[in-house]
């Protein structure tokens, strides 16, 4: 089926959301009750500094722990508003930041970073002028906390002014509430972050949204999700294997039965296009090492350009480190989600 579809459902009682593009699973989110959502905001209490890493461990509610980088000038016992930026391996502290981003469908409010800005993806100059005038009017009329900024997201292009205004108003109110909760001698959870359904509403766009129970089974999401537990990723032009280890994610690209002179380049370009989706669906991050099919060094630039174009469109922050002396290509990818293999087997078995 051509086009984009969003399916909102539950798996074994857990909230889940799937994005299908042209009949293929393009993104998948499954709730994990044991892990705070990315974007959740806490009042943490500074616990102990880690001088060698320039960071600070913080106490969270219910005995939880977080780690903040760049904690210069902080002292134990100091309360601090922090936001969860990703997931942590079992036994490790949650990664957090002091730079809060209050995201909604149309607006991002930025406490501590004043100014009104628009997404660069809005390239129509007339539309930019209209949205900037709307934003400035709303900003001047609202009771905005000091040193707070606003970013209008690309989804505001063509959106109704009433919807944009309501979205901005909600985020301003949240910023004001958080400012009032900054002080306290105990750690406290202030916002939950967005679960799969709210994240899908905020980040995905599609003309067709399926909300009836059993949508995952009817739309083929469960079958596609089970396939993600296998390392093999068919490319059409060869095969790619994506295998996480404790230290890194290893990716191996093979040409298959094609023995033509151009086989390696075709397989490697196909792998470069498919890699962001393969990592995103499996919830994999950290260090990624790609062993491309053997090719001449003259073709490396072409493959690297394809990688950059593919990851540019991916929503998860990824840095392309480059080629190693041994011929591997290294990437560093933000750990935003739990690995699918850590939660899906138990859910399906239940």
Protein backbone atom coordinates (compact mmCIF):
# COMPACT_ATOMS: atom_id res chain seq x y z
CA UNK A 1 0.00 0.00 0.00
CA UNK A 2 1.43 3.35 -1.06
CA UNK A 3 1.63 6.32 1.28
CA UNK A 4 2.05 6.81 5.03
CA UNK A 5 -0.12 5.29 7.76
CA UNK A 6 0.07 5.63 11.53
CA UNK A 7 -1.17 2.68 13.61
CA UNK A 8 -1.87 3.22 17.32
CA UNK A 9 -2.40 0.03 19.30
CA UNK A 10 -1.32 -1.97 22.35
CA UNK A 11 0.89 -5.07 22.63
CA UNK A 12 0.31 -7.20 25.72
CA UNK A 13 -1.19 -4.16 27.44
CA UNK A 14 1.69 -1.85 26.48
CA UNK A 15 1.04 1.28 24.47
CA UNK A 16 2.65 1.12 21.02
CA UNK A 17 2.74 3.12 17.79
CA UNK A 18 3.91 2.20 14.31
CA UNK A 19 4.58 4.22 11.17
CA UNK A 20 4.10 2.40 7.86
CA UNK A 21 5.52 3.90 4.66
CA UNK A 22 4.53 2.30 1.34
CA UNK A 23 3.50 -0.86 3.18
CA UNK A 24 6.80 -1.26 5.07
CA UNK A 25 7.40 -0.65 8.78
CA UNK A 26 9.38 2.61 9.06
CA UNK A 27 9.27 3.30 12.80
CA UNK A 28 8.08 1.50 15.91
CA UNK A 29 7.67 2.61 19.52
CA UNK A 30 6.72 0.35 22.44
CA UNK A 31 6.15 1.48 26.01
CA UNK A 32 8.45 0.14 28.71
CA UNK A 33 6.92 0.81 32.15
CA UNK A 34 10.33 0.40 33.83
CA UNK A 35 12.01 3.23 31.90
CA UNK A 36 11.18 6.97 31.92
CA UNK A 37 10.27 8.37 28.52
CA UNK A 38 12.79 10.48 26.72
CA UNK A 39 11.87 14.11 27.43
CA UNK A 40 10.66 13.43 30.98
CA UNK A 41 11.61 16.25 33.36
CA UNK A 42 12.76 15.79 36.96
CA UNK A 43 13.88 17.93 39.80
CA UNK A 44 17.06 16.08 40.66
CA UNK A 45 19.33 16.59 43.64
CA UNK A 46 23.06 16.81 42.95
CA UNK A 47 24.70 13.86 44.67
CA UNK A 48 28.38 13.45 43.86
CA UNK A 49 30.67 14.93 41.20
CA UNK A 50 32.80 12.87 38.81
CA UNK A 51 35.78 15.13 38.32
CA UNK A 52 37.52 13.01 35.73
CA UNK A 53 34.46 13.16 33.45
CA UNK A 54 33.34 16.66 34.37
CA UNK A 55 29.93 15.38 35.38
CA UNK A 56 27.59 14.98 38.34
CA UNK A 57 25.45 12.10 39.55
CA UNK A 58 21.96 13.18 40.63
CA UNK A 59 19.39 11.54 42.85
CA UNK A 60 15.98 10.95 41.24
CA UNK A 61 12.69 9.84 42.82
CA UNK A 62 12.32 6.26 44.10
CA UNK A 63 16.05 5.74 44.39
CA UNK A 64 16.77 6.47 40.74
CA UNK A 65 20.03 7.93 39.49
CA UNK A 66 20.97 10.25 36.63
CA UNK A 67 24.23 11.48 35.16
CA UNK A 68 24.74 15.05 33.96
CA UNK A 69 27.71 16.05 31.82
CA UNK A 70 29.21 19.52 32.00
CA UNK A 71 28.29 20.03 35.65
CA UNK A 72 30.73 22.83 36.37
CA UNK A 73 29.80 25.02 39.34
CA UNK A 74 27.31 22.57 40.86
CA UNK A 75 27.55 21.31 44.43
CA UNK A 76 26.08 18.28 46.25
CA UNK A 77 22.59 18.90 47.61
CA UNK A 78 21.72 21.50 44.98
CA UNK A 79 18.31 21.03 43.27
CA UNK A 80 18.34 21.02 39.49
CA UNK A 81 15.77 20.74 36.69
CA UNK A 82 16.93 18.11 34.22
CA UNK A 83 15.43 16.35 31.19
CA UNK A 84 15.98 12.75 30.14
CA UNK A 85 17.87 12.59 26.83
CA UNK A 86 17.98 8.85 26.20
CA UNK A 87 18.09 5.39 27.73
CA UNK A 88 20.64 3.69 29.93
CA UNK A 89 21.94 0.14 30.10
CA UNK A 90 20.85 -1.88 33.16
CA UNK A 91 22.63 -0.67 36.26
CA UNK A 92 23.70 2.64 34.74
CA UNK A 93 22.43 6.16 35.42
CA UNK A 94 19.98 7.89 33.08
CA UNK A 95 21.56 10.52 30.80
CA UNK A 96 20.07 13.97 31.44
CA UNK A 97 20.61 17.58 30.41
CA UNK A 98 19.94 21.00 31.92
CA UNK A 99 18.89 22.38 28.52
CA UNK A 100 15.15 21.80 28.61
CA UNK A 101 13.16 21.49 25.38
CA UNK A 102 9.38 21.60 25.81
CA UNK A 103 8.22 20.03 22.57
CA UNK A 104 4.74 19.87 21.12
CA UNK A 105 3.38 19.38 17.61
CA UNK A 106 3.88 22.97 16.46
CA UNK A 107 6.12 24.63 19.02
CA UNK A 108 9.25 24.12 21.10
CA UNK A 109 9.60 26.35 24.15
CA UNK A 110 13.18 26.72 25.38
CA UNK A 111 13.68 27.80 29.02
CA UNK A 112 17.06 29.48 29.39
CA UNK A 113 17.39 30.21 25.66
CA UNK A 114 15.43 33.37 24.77
CA UNK A 115 14.41 34.42 21.26
CA UNK A 116 11.72 33.59 18.70
CA UNK A 117 12.83 31.44 15.77
CA UNK A 118 11.38 29.38 12.92
CA UNK A 119 12.41 26.01 11.55
CA UNK A 120 14.74 26.28 8.56
CA UNK A 121 12.61 23.70 6.78
CA UNK A 122 9.94 26.37 6.28
CA UNK A 123 11.40 27.81 3.08
CA UNK A 124 8.44 29.78 1.74
CA UNK A 125 9.26 33.41 2.55
CA UNK A 126 5.64 34.56 2.67
CA UNK A 127 4.75 31.74 5.06
CA UNK A 128 7.76 32.56 7.24
CA UNK A 129 6.63 36.17 7.52
CA UNK A 130 3.09 35.10 8.44
CA UNK A 131 4.28 32.66 11.10
CA UNK A 132 6.83 35.06 12.56
CA UNK A 133 4.16 37.75 12.94
CA UNK A 134 1.85 35.23 14.61
CA UNK A 135 4.59 34.04 16.97
CA UNK A 136 5.62 37.55 17.97
CA UNK A 137 2.00 38.54 18.67
CA UNK A 138 1.40 35.48 20.83
CA UNK A 139 4.72 35.89 22.61
CA UNK A 140 4.06 39.52 23.49
CA UNK A 141 0.58 38.78 24.77
CA UNK A 142 1.55 35.75 26.88
CA UNK A 143 2.99 35.74 30.39
CA UNK A 144 6.31 34.19 29.32
CA UNK A 145 8.89 33.28 31.99
CA UNK A 146 12.12 35.29 31.81
CA UNK A 147 14.89 33.99 29.53
CA UNK A 148 12.49 31.70 27.67
CA UNK A 149 12.46 31.23 23.90
CA UNK A 150 10.23 29.80 21.18
CA UNK A 151 10.87 27.76 18.04
CA UNK A 152 8.09 27.19 15.53
CA UNK A 153 8.45 23.73 14.00
CA UNK A 154 8.13 22.90 10.31
CA UNK A 155 4.67 21.43 10.96
CA UNK A 156 3.33 24.96 11.52
CA UNK A 157 3.56 25.66 7.77
CA UNK A 158 -0.04 25.77 6.58
CA UNK A 159 -1.45 25.00 10.04
CA UNK A 160 -4.46 26.84 11.43
CA UNK A 161 -3.54 29.79 13.64
CA UNK A 162 -5.89 28.64 16.41
CA UNK A 163 -4.13 25.28 16.68
CA UNK A 164 -0.68 26.89 16.70
CA UNK A 165 -1.75 29.43 19.32
CA UNK A 166 -3.21 26.73 21.56
CA UNK A 167 -0.02 24.69 21.27
CA UNK A 168 2.20 27.63 22.16
CA UNK A 169 -0.04 28.54 25.10
CA UNK A 170 0.20 25.03 26.56
CA UNK A 171 4.00 25.01 26.31
CA UNK A 172 4.26 28.47 27.92
CA UNK A 173 2.06 27.31 30.79
CA UNK A 174 4.27 24.24 31.23
CA UNK A 175 7.41 26.41 31.28
CA UNK A 176 5.88 28.61 33.98
CA UNK A 177 4.87 25.59 36.07
CA UNK A 178 8.37 24.11 35.83
CA UNK A 179 9.95 27.40 36.87
CA UNK A 180 7.84 27.30 40.02
CA UNK A 181 8.95 23.73 40.79
CA UNK A 182 12.69 24.33 40.41
CA UNK A 183 13.36 24.62 44.13
CA UNK A 184 12.99 21.83 46.65
CA UNK A 185 15.06 19.55 48.85
CA UNK A 186 13.69 16.28 47.45
CA UNK A 187 13.83 14.77 43.95
CA UNK A 188 10.52 14.84 42.11
CA UNK A 189 9.13 13.74 38.73
CA UNK A 190 7.62 16.84 37.09
CA UNK A 191 6.59 15.58 33.65
CA UNK A 192 6.32 12.07 32.23
CA UNK A 193 7.46 12.81 28.70
CA UNK A 194 5.50 11.56 25.70
CA UNK A 195 4.47 7.93 25.36
CA UNK A 196 4.27 6.20 21.95
CA UNK A 197 0.85 7.62 21.05
CA UNK A 198 1.69 11.21 21.99
CA UNK A 199 5.08 10.94 20.30
CA UNK A 200 3.39 9.75 17.10
CA UNK A 201 0.98 12.71 17.23
CA UNK A 202 3.88 15.10 17.84
CA UNK A 203 6.46 13.83 15.36
CA UNK A 204 4.75 11.83 12.61
CA UNK A 205 2.46 13.01 9.85
CA UNK A 206 0.16 10.83 7.78
CA UNK A 207 -3.27 11.24 6.18
CA UNK A 208 -4.44 7.90 7.60
CA UNK A 209 -4.37 7.08 11.32
CA UNK A 210 -5.59 3.66 12.51
CA UNK A 211 -6.79 3.63 16.13
CA UNK A 212 -9.08 0.58 16.27
CA UNK A 213 -7.81 -2.21 18.56
CA UNK A 214 -6.02 -5.02 16.72
CA UNK A 215 -4.53 -2.65 14.16
CA UNK A 216 -1.02 -4.09 14.56
CA UNK A 217 -2.20 -7.57 13.59
CA UNK A 218 -4.35 -6.38 10.68
CA UNK A 219 -1.70 -4.04 9.24
CA UNK A 220 1.19 -6.53 9.46
CA UNK A 221 3.06 -4.63 12.18
CA UNK A 222 3.52 -7.66 14.46
CA UNK A 223 4.95 -9.76 11.64
CA UNK A 224 7.33 -6.98 10.64
CA UNK A 225 8.36 -6.47 14.28
CA UNK A 226 9.22 -10.16 14.72
CA UNK A 227 11.44 -9.95 11.64
CA UNK A 228 13.45 -7.23 13.39
CA UNK A 229 14.71 -9.79 15.91
CA UNK A 230 16.73 -11.37 13.10
CA UNK A 231 20.10 -9.87 12.20
CA UNK A 232 19.62 -10.23 8.45
CA UNK A 233 18.32 -7.22 6.48
CA UNK A 234 17.55 -7.96 2.81
CA UNK A 235 18.73 -5.15 0.56
CA UNK A 236 17.68 -6.30 -2.88
CA UNK A 237 21.26 -5.55 -3.87
CA UNK A 238 22.89 -7.98 -1.42
CA UNK A 239 22.35 -8.47 2.32
CA UNK A 240 23.18 -6.60 5.51
CA UNK A 241 23.53 -8.08 9.00
CA UNK A 242 22.99 -5.83 12.04
CA UNK A 243 24.20 -7.41 15.27
CA UNK A 244 24.47 -5.55 18.59
CA UNK A 245 27.18 -6.51 21.07
CA UNK A 246 27.82 -5.06 24.52
CA UNK A 247 30.51 -2.72 23.17
CA UNK A 248 29.12 -1.71 19.78
CA UNK A 249 26.75 -2.48 16.92
CA UNK A 250 28.44 -4.51 14.19
CA UNK A 251 27.10 -4.19 10.63
CA UNK A 252 28.28 -6.52 7.86
CA UNK A 253 27.41 -5.96 4.18
CA UNK A 254 27.56 -8.83 1.67
CA UNK A 255 27.00 -8.91 -2.07
CA UNK A 256 25.27 -12.29 -2.04
CA UNK A 257 25.36 -14.21 -5.30
CA UNK A 258 26.15 -11.19 -7.46
CA UNK A 259 29.71 -11.47 -8.78
CA UNK A 260 29.61 -8.58 -11.26
CA UNK A 261 32.27 -5.84 -11.00
CA UNK A 262 29.70 -3.36 -9.68
CA UNK A 263 28.21 -5.75 -7.10
CA UNK A 264 30.08 -4.35 -4.09
CA UNK A 265 29.25 -0.72 -4.82
CA UNK A 266 25.56 -1.52 -5.43
CA UNK A 267 25.30 -3.48 -2.17
CA UNK A 268 27.12 -0.79 -0.20
CA UNK A 269 24.93 2.01 -1.54
CA UNK A 270 21.81 -0.03 -0.73
CA UNK A 271 23.15 -0.62 2.79
CA UNK A 272 23.86 3.10 3.24
CA UNK A 273 20.23 3.88 2.38
CA UNK A 274 18.81 1.14 4.62
CA UNK A 275 21.04 1.57 7.67
CA UNK A 276 19.20 4.45 9.44
CA UNK A 277 15.89 2.58 9.27
CA UNK A 278 17.50 -0.71 10.42
CA UNK A 279 19.06 0.96 13.47
CA UNK A 280 15.96 3.05 14.27
CA UNK A 281 13.56 0.11 14.20
CA UNK A 282 15.84 -2.01 16.38
CA UNK A 283 16.38 0.85 18.87
CA UNK A 284 20.15 0.64 18.49
CA UNK A 285 22.64 3.38 19.32
CA UNK A 286 26.12 3.99 20.64
CA UNK A 287 29.15 3.08 18.54
CA UNK A 288 28.35 1.51 15.17
CA UNK A 289 31.02 -0.16 13.01
CA UNK A 290 30.11 -0.96 9.39
CA UNK A 291 32.10 -3.51 7.41
CA UNK A 292 31.12 -2.68 3.84
CA UNK A 293 31.62 -5.15 1.02
CA UNK A 294 35.18 -4.88 -0.40
CA UNK A 295 35.38 -1.98 -2.84
CA UNK A 296 38.01 0.36 -4.20
CA UNK A 297 38.94 3.42 -2.17
CA UNK A 298 37.72 5.53 -5.08
CA UNK A 299 34.14 4.45 -4.25
CA UNK A 300 34.33 5.36 -0.57
CA UNK A 301 33.38 8.97 -1.15
CA UNK A 302 30.22 7.93 -3.00
CA UNK A 303 29.18 5.58 -0.18
CA UNK A 304 29.91 8.22 2.46
CA UNK A 305 27.79 10.79 0.60
CA UNK A 306 24.92 8.29 0.52
CA UNK A 307 25.29 7.69 4.27
CA UNK A 308 25.21 11.42 5.02
CA UNK A 309 22.09 11.92 2.92
CA UNK A 310 20.35 8.97 4.60
CA UNK A 311 21.12 9.99 8.18
CA UNK A 312 20.25 13.62 7.47
CA UNK A 313 16.61 12.54 7.15
CA UNK A 314 16.74 10.35 10.28
CA UNK A 315 15.25 11.84 13.49
CA UNK A 316 17.91 10.38 15.80
CA UNK A 317 21.16 12.31 16.16
CA UNK A 318 24.03 10.44 14.48
CA UNK A 319 27.63 11.50 13.92
CA UNK A 320 29.52 10.02 10.99
CA UNK A 321 33.05 9.55 12.35
CA UNK A 322 34.65 8.19 9.18
CA UNK A 323 36.84 5.38 7.88
CA UNK A 324 39.23 3.46 10.10
CA UNK A 325 42.66 2.31 8.98
CA UNK A 326 41.22 -1.19 8.77
CA UNK A 327 38.54 -0.12 6.28
CA UNK A 328 35.51 0.01 8.60
CA UNK A 329 33.19 3.00 8.73
CA UNK A 330 32.38 4.26 12.23
CA UNK A 331 29.32 6.13 13.49
CA UNK A 332 28.26 7.44 16.89
CA UNK A 333 24.51 7.33 17.43
CA UNK A 334 22.52 8.74 20.32
CA UNK A 335 20.89 6.10 22.53
CA UNK A 336 17.33 7.42 22.47
CA UNK A 337 15.44 4.15 22.76
CA UNK A 338 15.66 0.78 24.43
CA UNK A 339 16.89 -1.97 22.10
CA UNK A 340 13.87 -3.75 20.68
CA UNK A 341 15.44 -7.13 21.39
CA UNK A 342 15.43 -6.28 25.12
CA UNK A 343 11.65 -5.91 25.35
CA UNK A 344 9.91 -7.45 22.32
CA UNK A 345 10.53 -11.21 22.90
CA UNK A 346 9.01 -11.11 26.39
CA UNK A 347 6.04 -9.09 25.09
CA UNK A 348 5.34 -11.49 22.22
CA UNK A 349 5.75 -14.51 24.48
CA UNK A 350 3.27 -13.04 26.95
